[in-house]
Amino acid sequence: MSVDLNRQIGVLVTRKGAVSHVIVGDAKGIFLPSLDDFPLGRKPLRGLRFLHTHLNSEPLNQDDLTDLALLRFDVIAAIGIKDGQPDRLYIAHLDPRGGKQPYTILAPGDVHDPGFDFIAFVRSFEEEAEKANVREVHAAAGRRESVAGVERAILIGVSRKTRHEQEDSMDELRELALSSDVVVLDSVIQRPKEINPRYLMGEGKIKEVVINAMNRGATLLIFDQDLSPSQIKAISEVTELKVIDRSQLILDIFARRAHSRDGKVQVELAQLKYRLPRLAGKGTAMSRLMGGIGGRGPGEMKLEIDRRRVRDRIHLLEKELRMLSEARRQRKARRVENRIPIVSIIGYTNAGKSTLLNALTRSDTFVEDKLFATLDTASRRLRFPREREVIITDTVGFIRDLPRDLMAAFKATLEELEDADLLLQVIDASNPRYEQQIASVEQILSDLNLADKPRVYVFNKIDRIEEEEAEYLALRFNAVTVSARDRRTLPALLGAVEYHIFDKTAKQA
């Protein structure tokens, strides 16, 4: 038939020997159909063999091998035709150990006696691939743990930033991934002359990244840059791996950590606003997200819910948020009526704000060494001598490039900072990026029109740096230095709070 039509003809065959597709191409190649009925999932191989004809008995070409690696066929085989008859059989399969060349090309064989035990190969491959993936996850996680259900990610950064800025941003993306219990297998950084509007990087490079990701058992690609709906769609057409961006990862962390009604409403609102423009078309990219990283939490919803219902839900959440905001306003009014000063702890995420709140007030607010461990605002009383007291509040941590919708949703919570008499800006003294983090917090305060609010810089975690460095930071920033885990370092901070709230105010009066 191939000779008569002068076209390549191919079949896809299941492991049970059933033909699932018959495909007619042209003289040079075959366009493969959608394989939605045979999803890859977490399996190392798809469970389909692809056999097709080559009109001039030529061996497997680069397109064949790319299809093998991207689509994870059990094997790919070409039947070479010569003088109208089957000639040689060309077979290639994936290598379970991956590597720079992720496939193995067998020597040309006899069509009638290929000398290749397919069933034995498939069993051996899947056993070896699973062992390799387990070793990879254990090595990446730094400990032995079950890999069942664990998301395994490749981090991707594509931008025109300097290499130093890019590496800093990727380090933070890695911390975000770990905060979402993702095992990071590898990072890919690119600084192209021009950003590809479709894939961020070139099509060949994105295919190379995807093939490497699947060889290493990854289930997720996380981009450091925010992806447009069209970019997510384009990249998802190249791979069946889940594709998310920095904003989606942050939303996932917030969905995990929101416990109060305020927090849950704010997160769901931000998730729906993020997803609304991404609900067009078939939505295969979004359908892969449901129930895992990027599709978790209060905002989780079935893909078939249309835009109108999403907008209705957004309207209801915004209304509920206004009601919750009004309730907060009334509580604030009572505090003002009682004339109790308010001190708010702010700062970059994971700077130690909740630990400091616990140390100052001897309370037990949830603490964890992860980004955004605290999402819901906590308030405690802090007593001073002479029957004086303040309300001290802990707020959600700041981060650079906070998703716009999330920033808008949490603005209601952050508005509480407007009523604060003093801001304690906590900074992780041990973080090499502390200056960039200070700048990010300053920018967010400026966006909230709070830049002129009285503020005290508090450099935390001084137990992790040299004493001379802590002294330098105190002098340079006119700051207080503490270790929130050591109450003996807190008197200077308590003195600064007392001075700004009571003594300084009394002098001004």
Foldseek 3Di string as FASTA:
>chain_A
DCVVQLWKWKFKAAPVGDTPDIFTGHNPDTDDDDPVVQDCALALARRIEMEMEHAAQDEDDPVQLLCCLFRRHLKYWYFYDDPNHTDWIKIKHAALQADPRGIDTDDIADPVCRVDDSVVSSVVSRVSNVVLLQVLQCVQVVHRDDCVPAAEEEEEEEEQDPPVVRVVLVVVLVLLCVLLRHRYRYYYYYYDPDQDLQQRDDPVVLSSVSSRCSSNSHQEYEYADAHDLNNLVRSCVRHVRAYGYPQLSVLSSLQVQDDDPLSQLLSLLLLLVVCLVNLDDPNSNVVSPDPHRSQDHSNHDDSPPHNVVSVVSNVVSVVVNVVVLVVVVVVLVVCVVVPAAEEEEAFAFQLCQVLLVCLQQVDCDDDDNGGQNDADKDWDWGADPPGHIHIYIYHTHFDPPHPPSSCVSCLSVVCVVVRHQEYEYGFALLDPCRVVRVVRVCVSCVVNVNNPRHYAYEHEPCVNDDPVSQVVVCVVVVHQYYHSVDSVSCPVVVVVVCCSPPVVVVVVD
